[in-house]
Amino acid sequence: MKRKTNKSASKRLKVTGSKKGKKKLLFRPVSQDHFNAKDTGSKTMKKRKTKKIAVNFEKTFKELMPCI
């Protein structure tokens, strides 16, 4: 039976390609859409960057997205 990609996971994650075959899973940090007026400048700058998923969560996300 063919497995389907979890659409919510595919919208939240970005998969980068690599020359050596190892793909990275990147995600956008949470709580950066609103209520940012009180944050310091450095905190705001950190929220803009994408972050790499921790190694212990990679297996979980690869099950949600079998076609990566």
C-alpha atoms as a PDB file:
ATOM      1  CA  MET A   1       0.000   0.000   0.000  1.00  0.00           C
ATOM      2  CA  LYS A   2       1.318   3.422  -0.943  1.00  0.00           C
ATOM      3  CA  ARG A   3       1.966   5.861   1.911  1.00  0.00           C
ATOM      4  CA  LYS A   4       0.775   9.449   1.718  1.00  0.00           C
ATOM      5  CA  THR A   5       2.667  12.546   2.774  1.00  0.00           C
ATOM      6  CA  ASN A   6       1.299  14.336   5.810  1.00  0.00           C
ATOM      7  CA  LYS A   7       0.322  17.729   4.388  1.00  0.00           C
ATOM      8  CA  SER A   8       0.699  19.670   7.639  1.00  0.00           C
ATOM      9  CA  ALA A   9       4.264  18.373   8.009  1.00  0.00           C
ATOM     10  CA  SER A  10       5.114  19.190   4.394  1.00  0.00           C
ATOM     11  CA  LYS A  11       3.933  22.788   4.863  1.00  0.00           C
ATOM     12  CA  ARG A  12       5.967  23.282   8.037  1.00  0.00           C
ATOM     13  CA  LEU A  13       9.209  21.672   6.859  1.00  0.00           C
ATOM     14  CA  LYS A  14      11.708  22.512   4.180  1.00  0.00           C
ATOM     15  CA  VAL A  15      13.929  19.766   2.815  1.00  0.00           C
ATOM     16  CA  THR A  16      17.311  20.757   1.443  1.00  0.00           C
ATOM     17  CA  GLY A  17      19.190  18.692  -1.071  1.00  0.00           C
ATOM     18  CA  SER A  18      22.794  17.720  -0.637  1.00  0.00           C
ATOM     19  CA  LYS A  19      25.531  16.556  -2.942  1.00  0.00           C
ATOM     20  CA  LYS A  20      26.504  13.689  -0.651  1.00  0.00           C
ATOM     21  CA  GLY A  21      22.966  12.339  -0.262  1.00  0.00           C
ATOM     22  CA  LYS A  22      22.309  13.592   3.281  1.00  0.00           C
ATOM     23  CA  LYS A  23      19.214  15.796   3.309  1.00  0.00           C
ATOM     24  CA  LYS A  24      18.552  18.394   5.991  1.00  0.00           C
ATOM     25  CA  LEU A  25      15.141  19.127   7.466  1.00  0.00           C
ATOM     26  CA  LEU A  26      14.604  22.785   8.311  1.00  0.00           C
ATOM     27  CA  PHE A  27      11.678  24.396  10.111  1.00  0.00           C
ATOM     28  CA  ARG A  28      10.505  27.892  10.919  1.00  0.00           C
ATOM     29  CA  PRO A  29      10.597  28.830  14.609  1.00  0.00           C
ATOM     30  CA  VAL A  30       7.298  29.121  16.461  1.00  0.00           C
ATOM     31  CA  SER A  31       5.664  32.266  17.903  1.00  0.00           C
ATOM     32  CA  GLN A  32       6.929  34.794  15.398  1.00  0.00           C
ATOM     33  CA  ASP A  33       3.709  35.867  13.710  1.00  0.00           C
ATOM     34  CA  HIS A  34       2.322  38.331  16.246  1.00  0.00           C
ATOM     35  CA  PHE A  35       2.939  39.775  19.736  1.00  0.00           C
ATOM     36  CA  ASN A  36       6.493  40.692  18.761  1.00  0.00           C
ATOM     37  CA  ALA A  37       6.456  44.333  19.918  1.00  0.00           C
ATOM     38  CA  LYS A  38       7.948  43.488  23.312  1.00  0.00           C
ATOM     39  CA  ASP A  39      10.764  41.347  21.934  1.00  0.00           C
ATOM     40  CA  THR A  40      14.305  42.638  21.807  1.00  0.00           C
ATOM     41  CA  GLY A  41      16.021  43.124  18.463  1.00  0.00           C
ATOM     42  CA  SER A  42      18.265  40.104  18.900  1.00  0.00           C
ATOM     43  CA  LYS A  43      15.297  37.873  19.705  1.00  0.00           C
ATOM     44  CA  THR A  44      13.482  39.080  16.580  1.00  0.00           C
ATOM     45  CA  MET A  45      16.537  38.405  14.423  1.00  0.00           C
ATOM     46  CA  LYS A  46      16.810  34.844  15.770  1.00  0.00           C
ATOM     47  CA  LYS A  47      13.177  34.171  14.918  1.00  0.00           C
ATOM     48  CA  ARG A  48      13.719  35.040  11.243  1.00  0.00           C
ATOM     49  CA  LYS A  49      16.168  32.250  10.530  1.00  0.00           C
ATOM     50  CA  THR A  50      15.194  28.685   9.765  1.00  0.00           C
ATOM     51  CA  LYS A  51      16.502  26.082  12.165  1.00  0.00           C
ATOM     52  CA  LYS A  52      17.614  22.506  11.688  1.00  0.00           C
ATOM     53  CA  ILE A  53      15.494  19.749  13.205  1.00  0.00           C
ATOM     54  CA  ALA A  54      17.081  17.832  16.079  1.00  0.00           C
ATOM     55  CA  VAL A  55      18.467  14.393  15.253  1.00  0.00           C
ATOM     56  CA  ASN A  56      16.024  12.568  17.533  1.00  0.00           C
ATOM     57  CA  PHE A  57      13.036  14.057  15.652  1.00  0.00           C
ATOM     58  CA  GLU A  58      14.293  13.263  12.142  1.00  0.00           C
ATOM     59  CA  LYS A  59      12.928   9.724  12.173  1.00  0.00           C
ATOM     60  CA  THR A  60       9.459  10.948  13.164  1.00  0.00           C
ATOM     61  CA  PHE A  61       9.299  13.513  10.369  1.00  0.00           C
ATOM     62  CA  LYS A  62      10.647  11.089   7.787  1.00  0.00           C
ATOM     63  CA  GLU A  63       7.745   8.770   8.613  1.00  0.00           C
ATOM     64  CA  LEU A  64       5.306  11.652   8.052  1.00  0.00           C
ATOM     65  CA  MET A  65       6.972  12.498   4.747  1.00  0.00           C
ATOM     66  CA  PRO A  66       7.901   9.166   3.094  1.00  0.00           C
ATOM     67  CA  CYS A  67       8.689  10.635  -0.314  1.00  0.00           C
ATOM     68  CA  ILE A  68      11.669  12.752   0.782  1.00  0.00           C
END
